[in-house]
């Protein structure tokens, strides 16, 4: 049984009919205040590209808030080194795009590096 998506008591179809100011009223305060200041020209350009393009759109704009019209689109988000592909789902509404692409990798230690002390070089290499 497929459960219908509900965001603050509204379905996805109802959210797509709302304008940005009405959608902002349903968001937490940080996102609401950000949208109250207006959408920046770079973000408007990104939204236009998403409407037109069928292919994934590359962007560096990690501070863009995910809006209902972006649901179902593919975006390539820059993490500082490469573009990471993300498919925008309904559950992501109201979050920032950058939240879904990590900028730091987890540290994986393997062997002592250059400049290590003599005692750390004595570790067995198995």
N, C-alpha and C. Protein backbone atom coordinates (compact mmCIF):
# COMPACT_ATOMS: atom_id res chain seq x y z
N UNK A 1 0.84 -1.18 0.00
CA UNK A 1 0.00 0.00 0.00
C UNK A 1 0.89 1.25 0.00
N UNK A 2 0.70 2.10 -0.98
CA UNK A 2 1.49 3.31 -1.10
C UNK A 2 0.82 4.42 -0.28
N UNK A 3 1.63 5.03 0.59
CA UNK A 3 1.11 6.09 1.43
C UNK A 3 1.34 7.43 0.74
N UNK A 4 0.34 8.28 0.71
CA UNK A 4 0.44 9.58 0.07
C UNK A 4 1.32 10.51 0.90
N UNK A 5 2.14 11.30 0.22
CA UNK A 5 3.03 12.24 0.91
C UNK A 5 2.23 13.43 1.41
N UNK A 6 2.43 13.78 2.69
CA UNK A 6 1.78 14.94 3.30
C UNK A 6 2.87 15.81 3.94
N UNK A 7 2.85 17.11 3.65
CA UNK A 7 3.79 18.07 4.23
C UNK A 7 2.96 19.16 4.88
N UNK A 8 2.97 19.22 6.20
CA UNK A 8 2.20 20.20 6.97
C UNK A 8 0.72 20.18 6.59
N UNK A 9 0.18 18.97 6.39
CA UNK A 9 -1.24 18.82 6.10
C UNK A 9 -1.62 19.04 4.65
N UNK A 10 -0.66 19.20 3.76
CA UNK A 10 -0.96 19.44 2.35
C UNK A 10 -0.28 18.37 1.49
N UNK A 11 -0.95 17.96 0.44
CA UNK A 11 -0.38 16.97 -0.47
C UNK A 11 0.61 17.67 -1.41
N UNK A 12 1.37 16.88 -2.14
CA UNK A 12 2.37 17.43 -3.05
C UNK A 12 1.72 18.27 -4.16
N UNK A 13 0.56 17.83 -4.64
CA UNK A 13 -0.13 18.59 -5.70
C UNK A 13 -0.58 19.96 -5.18
N UNK A 14 -1.05 19.99 -3.93
CA UNK A 14 -1.47 21.27 -3.33
C UNK A 14 -0.25 22.17 -3.11
N UNK A 15 0.88 21.59 -2.72
CA UNK A 15 2.09 22.38 -2.51
C UNK A 15 2.60 22.99 -3.81
N UNK A 16 2.46 22.26 -4.92
CA UNK A 16 2.93 22.78 -6.21
C UNK A 16 2.10 23.96 -6.69
N UNK A 17 0.86 24.08 -6.22
CA UNK A 17 0.03 25.21 -6.62
C UNK A 17 0.31 26.47 -5.79
N UNK A 18 0.94 26.31 -4.62
CA UNK A 18 1.23 27.46 -3.76
C UNK A 18 2.37 28.29 -4.35
N UNK A 19 2.33 29.60 -4.11
CA UNK A 19 3.48 30.41 -4.48
C UNK A 19 4.52 30.32 -3.36
N UNK A 20 5.67 30.91 -3.58
CA UNK A 20 6.80 30.75 -2.66
C UNK A 20 6.49 31.34 -1.28
N UNK A 21 5.80 32.47 -1.22
CA UNK A 21 5.50 33.09 0.07
C UNK A 21 4.54 32.24 0.90
N UNK A 22 3.58 31.61 0.24
CA UNK A 22 2.65 30.74 0.96
C UNK A 22 3.35 29.47 1.43
N UNK A 23 4.26 28.93 0.59
CA UNK A 23 5.01 27.74 0.97
C UNK A 23 5.95 28.05 2.14
N UNK A 24 6.50 29.27 2.16
CA UNK A 24 7.43 29.66 3.21
C UNK A 24 6.76 29.64 4.59
N UNK A 25 5.46 29.88 4.64
CA UNK A 25 4.74 29.88 5.92
C UNK A 25 4.71 28.49 6.56
N UNK A 26 4.92 27.45 5.75
CA UNK A 26 4.89 26.08 6.25
C UNK A 26 6.26 25.59 6.72
N UNK A 27 7.31 26.40 6.51
CA UNK A 27 8.68 25.99 6.80
C UNK A 27 9.13 26.43 8.18
N UNK A 28 10.22 25.84 8.69
CA UNK A 28 10.83 26.33 9.94
C UNK A 28 11.36 27.75 9.77
N UNK A 29 11.67 28.39 10.90
CA UNK A 29 11.98 29.82 10.88
C UNK A 29 13.18 30.20 10.02
N UNK A 30 14.24 29.41 10.04
CA UNK A 30 15.43 29.78 9.28
C UNK A 30 15.13 29.83 7.79
N UNK A 31 14.46 28.80 7.27
CA UNK A 31 14.12 28.76 5.86
C UNK A 31 13.06 29.82 5.52
N UNK A 32 12.13 30.04 6.43
CA UNK A 32 11.07 31.03 6.21
C UNK A 32 11.68 32.43 6.08
N UNK A 33 12.62 32.75 6.96
CA UNK A 33 13.26 34.08 6.90
C UNK A 33 14.09 34.23 5.64
N UNK A 34 14.75 33.14 5.24
CA UNK A 34 15.56 33.18 4.03
C UNK A 34 14.69 33.45 2.80
N UNK A 35 13.55 32.77 2.71
CA UNK A 35 12.65 32.99 1.58
C UNK A 35 11.95 34.34 1.65
N UNK A 36 11.77 34.88 2.86
CA UNK A 36 11.13 36.19 3.01
C UNK A 36 12.00 37.29 2.42
N UNK A 37 13.32 37.08 2.45
CA UNK A 37 14.24 38.06 1.85
C UNK A 37 14.20 38.01 0.33
N UNK A 38 13.62 36.95 -0.20
CA UNK A 38 13.51 36.82 -1.65
C UNK A 38 14.52 35.83 -2.20
N UNK A 39 14.23 35.35 -3.39
CA UNK A 39 15.13 34.41 -4.05
C UNK A 39 16.17 35.20 -4.82
N UNK A 40 17.42 34.81 -4.67
CA UNK A 40 18.51 35.50 -5.34
C UNK A 40 18.48 35.22 -6.84
N UNK A 41 19.07 36.10 -7.65
CA UNK A 41 19.05 35.89 -9.11
C UNK A 41 19.68 34.58 -9.55
N UNK A 42 20.74 34.13 -8.84
CA UNK A 42 21.37 32.86 -9.22
C UNK A 42 20.41 31.70 -8.98
N UNK A 43 19.64 31.80 -7.88
CA UNK A 43 18.68 30.75 -7.56
C UNK A 43 17.52 30.75 -8.55
N UNK A 44 17.10 31.93 -9.01
CA UNK A 44 16.05 32.03 -10.03
C UNK A 44 16.52 31.37 -11.32
N UNK A 45 17.79 31.60 -11.66
CA UNK A 45 18.36 31.02 -12.87
C UNK A 45 18.39 29.49 -12.76
N UNK A 46 18.73 28.97 -11.58
CA UNK A 46 18.74 27.53 -11.35
C UNK A 46 17.33 26.95 -11.51
N UNK A 47 16.32 27.62 -10.95
CA UNK A 47 14.94 27.14 -11.07
C UNK A 47 14.48 27.12 -12.52
N UNK A 48 14.88 28.14 -13.30
CA UNK A 48 14.53 28.18 -14.72
C UNK A 48 15.17 27.01 -15.47
N UNK A 49 16.45 26.74 -15.16
CA UNK A 49 17.15 25.62 -15.81
C UNK A 49 16.48 24.30 -15.47
N UNK A 50 16.04 24.14 -14.21
CA UNK A 50 15.39 22.91 -13.79
C UNK A 50 14.06 22.71 -14.52
N UNK A 51 13.33 23.79 -14.78
CA UNK A 51 12.06 23.69 -15.49
C UNK A 51 12.25 23.26 -16.93
N UNK A 52 13.31 23.78 -17.56
CA UNK A 52 13.54 23.55 -18.99
C UNK A 52 14.23 22.22 -19.25
N UNK A 53 15.31 21.95 -18.51
CA UNK A 53 16.20 20.84 -18.83
C UNK A 53 15.66 19.49 -18.38
N UNK A 54 15.87 18.47 -19.20
CA UNK A 54 15.56 17.10 -18.84
C UNK A 54 16.76 16.41 -18.22
N UNK A 55 17.97 16.92 -18.56
CA UNK A 55 19.21 16.35 -18.02
C UNK A 55 19.48 16.96 -16.64
N UNK A 56 20.34 16.31 -15.83
CA UNK A 56 20.72 16.89 -14.53
C UNK A 56 21.40 18.25 -14.70
N UNK A 57 21.11 19.17 -13.79
CA UNK A 57 21.65 20.52 -13.84
C UNK A 57 22.77 20.63 -12.81
N UNK A 58 23.94 21.12 -13.23
CA UNK A 58 25.06 21.32 -12.31
C UNK A 58 24.88 22.64 -11.56
N UNK A 59 25.23 22.62 -10.26
CA UNK A 59 25.12 23.85 -9.48
C UNK A 59 26.12 23.86 -8.32
N UNK A 60 26.53 25.07 -7.96
CA UNK A 60 27.36 25.30 -6.78
C UNK A 60 26.51 25.87 -5.65
N UNK A 61 25.23 26.13 -5.90
CA UNK A 61 24.35 26.80 -4.94
C UNK A 61 23.84 25.83 -3.89
N UNK A 62 24.66 25.60 -2.86
CA UNK A 62 24.30 24.66 -1.80
C UNK A 62 23.31 25.26 -0.82
N UNK A 63 23.12 26.59 -0.86
CA UNK A 63 22.21 27.25 0.08
C UNK A 63 20.81 27.45 -0.50
N UNK A 64 20.49 26.76 -1.57
CA UNK A 64 19.16 26.85 -2.17
C UNK A 64 18.19 25.95 -1.40
N UNK A 65 17.04 26.48 -1.07
CA UNK A 65 16.02 25.70 -0.36
C UNK A 65 15.23 24.90 -1.40
N UNK A 66 14.96 23.64 -1.07
CA UNK A 66 14.23 22.78 -2.00
C UNK A 66 12.75 23.15 -1.97
N UNK A 67 12.23 23.52 -3.14
CA UNK A 67 10.85 23.96 -3.31
C UNK A 67 10.04 22.85 -3.98
N UNK A 68 8.71 22.89 -3.89
CA UNK A 68 7.88 21.84 -4.48
C UNK A 68 8.08 21.66 -5.99
N UNK A 69 8.39 22.72 -6.71
CA UNK A 69 8.57 22.60 -8.16
C UNK A 69 9.85 21.87 -8.54
N UNK A 70 10.73 21.65 -7.57
CA UNK A 70 12.00 20.95 -7.83
C UNK A 70 11.87 19.44 -7.63
N UNK A 71 10.77 18.96 -7.08
CA UNK A 71 10.60 17.54 -6.76
C UNK A 71 10.60 16.73 -8.06
N UNK A 72 11.36 15.64 -8.04
CA UNK A 72 11.45 14.75 -9.20
C UNK A 72 12.57 15.11 -10.17
N UNK A 73 13.27 16.19 -9.93
CA UNK A 73 14.36 16.63 -10.81
C UNK A 73 15.69 16.07 -10.32
N UNK A 74 16.66 15.99 -11.22
CA UNK A 74 18.01 15.56 -10.89
C UNK A 74 18.94 16.76 -10.89
N UNK A 75 19.79 16.85 -9.86
CA UNK A 75 20.72 17.96 -9.73
C UNK A 75 22.10 17.38 -9.44
N UNK A 76 23.13 18.02 -9.99
CA UNK A 76 24.51 17.69 -9.65
C UNK A 76 25.01 18.80 -8.76
N UNK A 77 25.30 18.49 -7.49
CA UNK A 77 25.69 19.49 -6.51
C UNK A 77 27.19 19.38 -6.26
N UNK A 78 27.86 20.52 -6.25
CA UNK A 78 29.31 20.56 -6.06
C UNK A 78 29.64 20.42 -4.58
N UNK A 79 30.56 19.49 -4.24
CA UNK A 79 30.92 19.29 -2.84
C UNK A 79 32.30 19.84 -2.51
N UNK A 80 32.89 20.58 -3.43
CA UNK A 80 34.22 21.15 -3.22
C UNK A 80 35.27 20.45 -4.06
N UNK A 81 34.95 19.27 -4.56
CA UNK A 81 35.89 18.51 -5.37
C UNK A 81 35.24 18.01 -6.66
N UNK A 82 34.00 17.57 -6.55
CA UNK A 82 33.31 17.00 -7.72
C UNK A 82 31.82 17.27 -7.59
N UNK A 83 31.09 17.01 -8.67
CA UNK A 83 29.64 17.17 -8.67
C UNK A 83 29.01 15.83 -8.31
N UNK A 84 28.16 15.84 -7.28
CA UNK A 84 27.52 14.62 -6.79
C UNK A 84 26.06 14.62 -7.24
N UNK A 85 25.59 13.54 -7.90
CA UNK A 85 24.20 13.52 -8.38
C UNK A 85 23.20 13.26 -7.24
N UNK A 86 22.12 14.02 -7.26
CA UNK A 86 21.04 13.89 -6.27
C UNK A 86 19.71 13.95 -7.02
N UNK A 87 18.81 13.05 -6.67
CA UNK A 87 17.43 13.11 -7.18
C UNK A 87 16.58 13.70 -6.06
N UNK A 88 15.89 14.76 -6.35
CA UNK A 88 15.10 15.45 -5.32
C UNK A 88 13.78 14.73 -5.12
N UNK A 89 13.54 14.32 -3.88
CA UNK A 89 12.32 13.61 -3.49
C UNK A 89 11.44 14.55 -2.67
N UNK A 90 10.20 14.15 -2.46
CA UNK A 90 9.25 14.98 -1.71
C UNK A 90 9.67 15.14 -0.25
N UNK A 91 10.35 14.14 0.30
CA UNK A 91 10.78 14.22 1.70
C UNK A 91 11.83 15.30 1.94
N UNK A 92 12.46 15.79 0.88
CA UNK A 92 13.52 16.78 1.00
C UNK A 92 12.99 18.21 1.05
N UNK A 93 11.69 18.41 0.89
CA UNK A 93 11.12 19.76 0.85
C UNK A 93 11.51 20.57 2.08
N UNK A 94 11.89 21.83 1.87
CA UNK A 94 12.22 22.72 2.97
C UNK A 94 13.66 22.63 3.44
N UNK A 95 14.39 21.62 3.01
CA UNK A 95 15.80 21.49 3.39
C UNK A 95 16.67 22.24 2.38
N UNK A 96 17.92 22.49 2.78
CA UNK A 96 18.87 23.09 1.87
C UNK A 96 19.47 22.00 1.00
N UNK A 97 19.81 22.33 -0.24
CA UNK A 97 20.37 21.37 -1.19
C UNK A 97 21.69 20.81 -0.66
N UNK A 98 22.50 21.64 -0.02
CA UNK A 98 23.80 21.22 0.47
C UNK A 98 23.76 20.21 1.59
N UNK A 99 22.61 20.03 2.24
CA UNK A 99 22.50 19.07 3.33
C UNK A 99 22.64 17.63 2.84
N UNK A 100 22.42 17.40 1.57
CA UNK A 100 22.39 16.04 1.05
C UNK A 100 23.69 15.62 0.38
N UNK A 101 24.68 16.52 0.36
CA UNK A 101 25.99 16.20 -0.22
C UNK A 101 27.05 16.60 0.80
N UNK A 102 27.77 15.62 1.31
CA UNK A 102 28.79 15.89 2.31
C UNK A 102 30.02 16.51 1.66
N UNK A 103 30.65 17.45 2.38
CA UNK A 103 31.84 18.11 1.85
C UNK A 103 33.11 17.50 2.42
N UNK A 104 32.98 16.67 3.44
CA UNK A 104 34.16 16.04 4.05
C UNK A 104 33.98 14.54 4.03
N UNK A 105 35.09 13.84 3.76
CA UNK A 105 35.06 12.39 3.80
C UNK A 105 35.46 11.93 5.20
N UNK A 106 35.04 10.73 5.56
CA UNK A 106 35.45 10.19 6.85
C UNK A 106 36.92 9.79 6.77
N UNK A 107 37.64 9.94 7.87
CA UNK A 107 39.06 9.66 7.92
C UNK A 107 39.27 8.16 8.01
N UNK A 108 40.11 7.64 7.13
CA UNK A 108 40.43 6.22 7.14
C UNK A 108 41.94 6.10 7.27
N UNK A 109 42.40 5.74 8.46
CA UNK A 109 43.82 5.61 8.72
C UNK A 109 44.28 4.24 8.26
N UNK A 110 45.44 4.19 7.58
CA UNK A 110 45.94 2.90 7.13
C UNK A 110 47.33 2.63 7.67
N UNK A 111 48.32 3.40 7.26
CA UNK A 111 49.70 3.18 7.69
C UNK A 111 50.30 4.52 8.10
N UNK A 112 51.40 4.50 8.87
CA UNK A 112 52.03 5.76 9.25
C UNK A 112 52.50 6.52 8.02
N UNK A 113 52.34 7.82 8.06
CA UNK A 113 52.72 8.64 6.92
C UNK A 113 54.11 9.19 7.04
N UNK A 114 54.46 10.08 6.13
CA UNK A 114 55.77 10.71 6.13
C UNK A 114 55.88 11.60 7.36
N UNK A 115 57.00 11.54 8.06
CA UNK A 115 57.22 12.36 9.24
C UNK A 115 56.69 11.73 10.50
N UNK A 116 56.24 10.49 10.43
CA UNK A 116 55.73 9.81 11.62
C UNK A 116 56.91 9.47 12.54
N UNK A 117 56.61 9.29 13.81
CA UNK A 117 57.67 8.97 14.77
C UNK A 117 58.17 7.55 14.57
N UNK A 118 59.33 7.25 15.16
CA UNK A 118 59.92 5.92 15.00
C UNK A 118 59.02 4.84 15.60
N UNK A 119 58.37 5.14 16.73
CA UNK A 119 57.54 4.13 17.38
C UNK A 119 56.32 3.79 16.53
N UNK A 120 55.76 4.77 15.81
CA UNK A 120 54.58 4.47 14.99
C UNK A 120 54.97 3.71 13.72
N UNK A 121 56.26 3.80 13.33
CA UNK A 121 56.72 3.06 12.14
C UNK A 121 56.91 1.59 12.47
N UNK A 122 56.95 1.23 13.75
CA UNK A 122 57.19 -0.16 14.15
C UNK A 122 55.91 -0.98 14.15
N UNK A 123 54.79 -0.38 13.75
CA UNK A 123 53.51 -1.10 13.71
C UNK A 123 53.57 -2.15 12.62
N UNK A 124 53.12 -3.37 12.94
CA UNK A 124 53.18 -4.43 11.96
C UNK A 124 52.25 -4.14 10.80
N UNK A 125 52.69 -4.51 9.62
CA UNK A 125 51.92 -4.26 8.41
C UNK A 125 51.29 -5.59 7.97
N UNK A 126 50.11 -5.87 8.40
CA UNK A 126 49.40 -7.10 8.02
C UNK A 126 48.27 -6.79 7.12
